[in-house]
C-alpha atoms as a PDB file:
ATOM      1  CA  UNK A   1     215.919-177.299 -74.711  1.00  0.00           C
ATOM      2  CA  UNK A   2     219.104-176.860 -76.743  1.00  0.00           C
ATOM      3  CA  UNK A   3     217.164-174.819 -79.330  1.00  0.00           C
ATOM      4  CA  UNK A   4     215.909-172.452 -76.618  1.00  0.00           C
ATOM      5  CA  UNK A   5     219.421-172.046 -75.215  1.00  0.00           C
ATOM      6  CA  UNK A   6     220.808-171.235 -78.675  1.00  0.00           C
ATOM      7  CA  UNK A   7     218.094-168.630 -79.223  1.00  0.00           C
ATOM      8  CA  UNK A   8     218.703-167.157 -75.773  1.00  0.00           C
ATOM      9  CA  UNK A   9     222.440-166.995 -76.403  1.00  0.00           C
ATOM     10  CA  UNK A  10     221.909-165.365 -79.809  1.00  0.00           C
ATOM     11  CA  UNK A  11     219.527-162.828 -78.274  1.00  0.00           C
ATOM     12  CA  UNK A  12     222.008-162.067 -75.471  1.00  0.00           C
ATOM     13  CA  UNK A  13     224.847-161.512 -77.945  1.00  0.00           C
ATOM     14  CA  UNK A  14     222.680-159.288 -80.142  1.00  0.00           C
ATOM     15  CA  UNK A  15     221.600-157.324 -77.071  1.00  0.00           C
ATOM     16  CA  UNK A  16     225.206-156.806 -76.012  1.00  0.00           C
ATOM     17  CA  UNK A  17     226.178-155.653 -79.496  1.00  0.00           C
ATOM     18  CA  UNK A  18     223.196-153.343 -79.958  1.00  0.00           C
ATOM     19  CA  UNK A  19     222.928-152.050 -76.368  1.00  0.00           C
ATOM     20  CA  UNK A  20     225.334-149.131 -76.820  1.00  0.00           C
ATOM     21  CA  UNK A  21     223.254-148.012 -79.797  1.00  0.00           C
ATOM     22  CA  UNK A  22     219.814-148.539 -78.285  1.00  0.00           C
ATOM     23  CA  UNK A  23     219.601-145.012 -76.946  1.00  0.00           C
ATOM     24  CA  UNK A  24     220.585-143.766 -80.375  1.00  0.00           C
ATOM     25  CA  UNK A  25     217.177-144.512 -81.889  1.00  0.00           C
ATOM     26  CA  UNK A  26     216.009-141.037 -81.021  1.00  0.00           C
ATOM     27  CA  UNK A  27     218.314-138.088 -80.819  1.00  0.00           C
ATOM     28  CA  UNK A  28     216.842-135.007 -79.183  1.00  0.00           C
ATOM     29  CA  UNK A  29     218.985-132.108 -78.026  1.00  0.00           C
ATOM     30  CA  UNK A  30     218.451-130.940 -74.437  1.00  0.00           C
ATOM     31  CA  UNK A  31     218.332-127.284 -75.430  1.00  0.00           C
ATOM     32  CA  UNK A  32     219.140-125.536 -78.687  1.00  0.00           C
ATOM     33  CA  UNK A  33     222.562-123.934 -78.751  1.00  0.00           C
ATOM     34  CA  UNK A  34     222.851-120.299 -79.761  1.00  0.00           C
ATOM     35  CA  UNK A  35     223.510-120.015 -83.523  1.00  0.00           C
ATOM     36  CA  UNK A  36     226.967-118.526 -83.018  1.00  0.00           C
ATOM     37  CA  UNK A  37     228.004-121.509 -80.850  1.00  0.00           C
ATOM     38  CA  UNK A  38     226.752-124.141 -83.268  1.00  0.00           C
ATOM     39  CA  UNK A  39     229.397-126.172 -85.050  1.00  0.00           C
ATOM     40  CA  UNK A  40     228.797-127.038 -88.706  1.00  0.00           C
ATOM     41  CA  UNK A  41     227.021-130.372 -88.911  1.00  0.00           C
ATOM     42  CA  UNK A  42     226.599-132.651 -91.902  1.00  0.00           C
ATOM     43  CA  UNK A  43     222.855-133.073 -92.500  1.00  0.00           C
ATOM     44  CA  UNK A  44     221.642-136.649 -92.262  1.00  0.00           C
ATOM     45  CA  UNK A  45     218.658-138.110 -94.083  1.00  0.00           C
ATOM     46  CA  UNK A  46     215.470-137.974 -92.005  1.00  0.00           C
ATOM     47  CA  UNK A  47     215.018-141.024 -89.812  1.00  0.00           C
ATOM     48  CA  UNK A  48     218.653-142.128 -89.993  1.00  0.00           C
ATOM     49  CA  UNK A  49     219.525-143.784 -86.691  1.00  0.00           C
ATOM     50  CA  UNK A  50     222.506-142.163 -85.075  1.00  0.00           C
ATOM     51  CA  UNK A  51     225.009-143.222 -82.431  1.00  0.00           C
ATOM     52  CA  UNK A  52     227.356-140.660 -80.948  1.00  0.00           C
ATOM     53  CA  UNK A  53     226.593-138.292 -83.810  1.00  0.00           C
ATOM     54  CA  UNK A  54     227.512-140.843 -86.487  1.00  0.00           C
ATOM     55  CA  UNK A  55     225.259-142.898 -88.753  1.00  0.00           C
ATOM     56  CA  UNK A  56     224.832-146.449 -87.511  1.00  0.00           C
ATOM     57  CA  UNK A  57     225.946-149.424 -89.548  1.00  0.00           C
ATOM     58  CA  UNK A  58     223.380-151.361 -91.596  1.00  0.00           C
ATOM     59  CA  UNK A  59     223.791-154.313 -89.207  1.00  0.00           C
ATOM     60  CA  UNK A  60     222.872-152.206 -86.191  1.00  0.00           C
ATOM     61  CA  UNK A  61     220.013-150.559 -88.114  1.00  0.00           C
ATOM     62  CA  UNK A  62     218.581-153.977 -88.955  1.00  0.00           C
ATOM     63  CA  UNK A  63     219.029-155.115 -85.343  1.00  0.00           C
ATOM     64  CA  UNK A  64     216.973-152.093 -84.292  1.00  0.00           C
ATOM     65  CA  UNK A  65     214.114-153.193 -86.522  1.00  0.00           C
ATOM     66  CA  UNK A  66     214.814-151.409 -89.792  1.00  0.00           C
ATOM     67  CA  UNK A  67     214.328-153.151 -93.099  1.00  0.00           C
ATOM     68  CA  UNK A  68     217.411-154.288 -95.017  1.00  0.00           C
ATOM     69  CA  UNK A  69     216.629-151.777 -97.793  1.00  0.00           C
ATOM     70  CA  UNK A  70     216.432-148.872 -95.320  1.00  0.00           C
ATOM     71  CA  UNK A  71     219.729-149.894 -93.743  1.00  0.00           C
ATOM     72  CA  UNK A  72     221.315-150.164 -97.200  1.00  0.00           C
ATOM     73  CA  UNK A  73     219.995-146.741 -98.259  1.00  0.00           C
ATOM     74  CA  UNK A  74     221.329-145.191 -95.061  1.00  0.00           C
ATOM     75  CA  UNK A  75     224.750-146.739 -95.564  1.00  0.00           C
ATOM     76  CA  UNK A  76     224.876-145.593 -99.197  1.00  0.00           C
ATOM     77  CA  UNK A  77     223.902-142.042 -98.220  1.00  0.00           C
ATOM     78  CA  UNK A  78     226.597-141.920 -95.530  1.00  0.00           C
ATOM     79  CA  UNK A  79     229.175-143.225 -98.034  1.00  0.00           C
ATOM     80  CA  UNK A  80     228.106-140.651-100.634  1.00  0.00           C
ATOM     81  CA  UNK A  81     228.156-137.790 -98.128  1.00  0.00           C
ATOM     82  CA  UNK A  82     231.668-138.749 -97.019  1.00  0.00           C
ATOM     83  CA  UNK A  83     232.833-139.015-100.633  1.00  0.00           C
ATOM     84  CA  UNK A  84     231.410-135.602-101.504  1.00  0.00           C
ATOM     85  CA  UNK A  85     233.359-133.949 -98.689  1.00  0.00           C
ATOM     86  CA  UNK A  86     236.158-132.867-101.008  1.00  0.00           C
ATOM     87  CA  UNK A  87     238.584-129.996-100.533  1.00  0.00           C
ATOM     88  CA  UNK A  88     237.695-127.122-102.837  1.00  0.00           C
ATOM     89  CA  UNK A  89     240.413-125.813-105.108  1.00  0.00           C
ATOM     90  CA  UNK A  90     238.855-122.653-106.471  1.00  0.00           C
ATOM     91  CA  UNK A  91     238.662-124.281-109.910  1.00  0.00           C
ATOM     92  CA  UNK A  92     234.908-124.546-110.503  1.00  0.00           C
ATOM     93  CA  UNK A  93     235.304-127.288-113.108  1.00  0.00           C
ATOM     94  CA  UNK A  94     237.575-129.473-110.984  1.00  0.00           C
ATOM     95  CA  UNK A  95     235.473-128.919-107.849  1.00  0.00           C
ATOM     96  CA  UNK A  96     232.266-129.780-109.727  1.00  0.00           C
ATOM     97  CA  UNK A  97     233.699-133.041-111.061  1.00  0.00           C
ATOM     98  CA  UNK A  98     235.295-133.991-107.724  1.00  0.00           C
ATOM     99  CA  UNK A  99     231.933-133.687-105.980  1.00  0.00           C
ATOM    100  CA  UNK A 100     229.808-135.143-108.753  1.00  0.00           C
ATOM    101  CA  UNK A 101     231.698-138.428-109.076  1.00  0.00           C
ATOM    102  CA  UNK A 102     230.777-139.592-105.549  1.00  0.00           C
ATOM    103  CA  UNK A 103     227.302-138.085-106.007  1.00  0.00           C
ATOM    104  CA  UNK A 104     226.764-140.165-109.141  1.00  0.00           C
ATOM    105  CA  UNK A 105     228.221-143.231-107.399  1.00  0.00           C
ATOM    106  CA  UNK A 106     225.694-142.652-104.619  1.00  0.00           C
ATOM    107  CA  UNK A 107     222.911-142.639-107.209  1.00  0.00           C
ATOM    108  CA  UNK A 108     224.244-145.907-108.639  1.00  0.00           C
ATOM    109  CA  UNK A 109     224.443-147.475-105.175  1.00  0.00           C
ATOM    110  CA  UNK A 110     220.874-146.415-104.391  1.00  0.00           C
ATOM    111  CA  UNK A 111     219.620-147.677-107.763  1.00  0.00           C
ATOM    112  CA  UNK A 112     221.277-151.036-107.113  1.00  0.00           C
ATOM    113  CA  UNK A 113     219.486-151.217-103.764  1.00  0.00           C
ATOM    114  CA  UNK A 114     216.212-150.579-105.596  1.00  0.00           C
ATOM    115  CA  UNK A 115     217.053-153.364-108.036  1.00  0.00           C
ATOM    116  CA  UNK A 116     217.777-155.710-105.131  1.00  0.00           C
ATOM    117  CA  UNK A 117     214.743-154.897-102.964  1.00  0.00           C
ATOM    118  CA  UNK A 118     212.230-153.002-105.111  1.00  0.00           C
ATOM    119  CA  UNK A 119     209.121-154.489-106.695  1.00  0.00           C
ATOM    120  CA  UNK A 120     207.587-151.785-108.908  1.00  0.00           C
ATOM    121  CA  UNK A 121     208.736-152.495-112.456  1.00  0.00           C
ATOM    122  CA  UNK A 122     208.638-148.840-113.562  1.00  0.00           C
ATOM    123  CA  UNK A 123     210.924-147.843-110.688  1.00  0.00           C
ATOM    124  CA  UNK A 124     213.181-150.835-111.290  1.00  0.00           C
ATOM    125  CA  UNK A 125     213.475-149.803-114.953  1.00  0.00           C
ATOM    126  CA  UNK A 126     214.310-146.255-113.874  1.00  0.00           C
ATOM    127  CA  UNK A 127     216.956-147.619-111.481  1.00  0.00           C
ATOM    128  CA  UNK A 128     218.531-149.651-114.284  1.00  0.00           C
ATOM    129  CA  UNK A 129     218.678-146.547-116.501  1.00  0.00           C
ATOM    130  CA  UNK A 130     220.250-144.573-113.647  1.00  0.00           C
ATOM    131  CA  UNK A 131     222.958-147.216-113.235  1.00  0.00           C
ATOM    132  CA  UNK A 132     223.769-147.074-116.945  1.00  0.00           C
ATOM    133  CA  UNK A 133     223.702-143.288-117.357  1.00  0.00           C
ATOM    134  CA  UNK A 134     225.508-142.426-114.138  1.00  0.00           C
ATOM    135  CA  UNK A 135     228.194-145.063-114.813  1.00  0.00           C
ATOM    136  CA  UNK A 136     228.782-143.496-118.232  1.00  0.00           C
ATOM    137  CA  UNK A 137     228.918-139.985-116.755  1.00  0.00           C
ATOM    138  CA  UNK A 138     231.414-141.061-114.083  1.00  0.00           C
ATOM    139  CA  UNK A 139     233.613-142.375-116.896  1.00  0.00           C
ATOM    140  CA  UNK A 140     233.396-139.028-118.709  1.00  0.00           C
ATOM    141  CA  UNK A 141     234.331-137.139-115.551  1.00  0.00           C
ATOM    142  CA  UNK A 142     237.218-139.472-114.724  1.00  0.00           C
ATOM    143  CA  UNK A 143     238.590-139.069-118.265  1.00  0.00           C
ATOM    144  CA  UNK A 144     238.370-135.298-117.856  1.00  0.00           C
ATOM    145  CA  UNK A 145     240.237-135.488-114.529  1.00  0.00           C
ATOM    146  CA  UNK A 146     242.956-137.634-116.089  1.00  0.00           C
ATOM    147  CA  UNK A 147     243.321-135.204-118.995  1.00  0.00           C
ATOM    148  CA  UNK A 148     243.585-132.274-116.574  1.00  0.00           C
ATOM    149  CA  UNK A 149     246.277-134.020-114.536  1.00  0.00           C
ATOM    150  CA  UNK A 150     248.225-134.831-117.726  1.00  0.00           C
ATOM    151  CA  UNK A 151     247.917-131.242-118.946  1.00  0.00           C
ATOM    152  CA  UNK A 152     249.180-129.930-115.606  1.00  0.00           C
ATOM    153  CA  UNK A 153     252.258-132.160-115.847  1.00  0.00           C
ATOM    154  CA  UNK A 154     253.053-131.149-119.437  1.00  0.00           C
ATOM    155  CA  UNK A 155     255.528-128.276-119.591  1.00  0.00           C
ATOM    156  CA  UNK A 156     254.356-125.245-121.588  1.00  0.00           C
ATOM    157  CA  UNK A 157     255.458-125.068-125.245  1.00  0.00           C
ATOM    158  CA  UNK A 158     258.131-122.480-126.076  1.00  0.00           C
END
């Protein structure tokens, strides 16, 4: 009896936590807005569960029946997208590096998810190579950024 009560209590708590997000499994607009009235929207990966226009947390995704790997991929994509939302400076080099660092980190995060959950050895090997190469490239870009900041602080020679 105690076991049933514990399960019922756990289910009730989970239901209370997930209830606000339950309607978020499918998002369908009532009617398309005219193009000129549409606000810019960040594209989300297909199938990403949404709540109030925001990606749901991995915990909520899992509670709604998604696999742990799917929830992890969704969280990593949301993190990468947020990181890539950088202010542009007009300096193509600086803007490229500022956007590519979080992009590469997103690739590393996704590769680590593959290494945690994946089974195909060829894909796992690819993921390991991605972690190594993208980590190296992030280091190169961060060094470049540091050098640029130092150069900007150095007064011109007379």
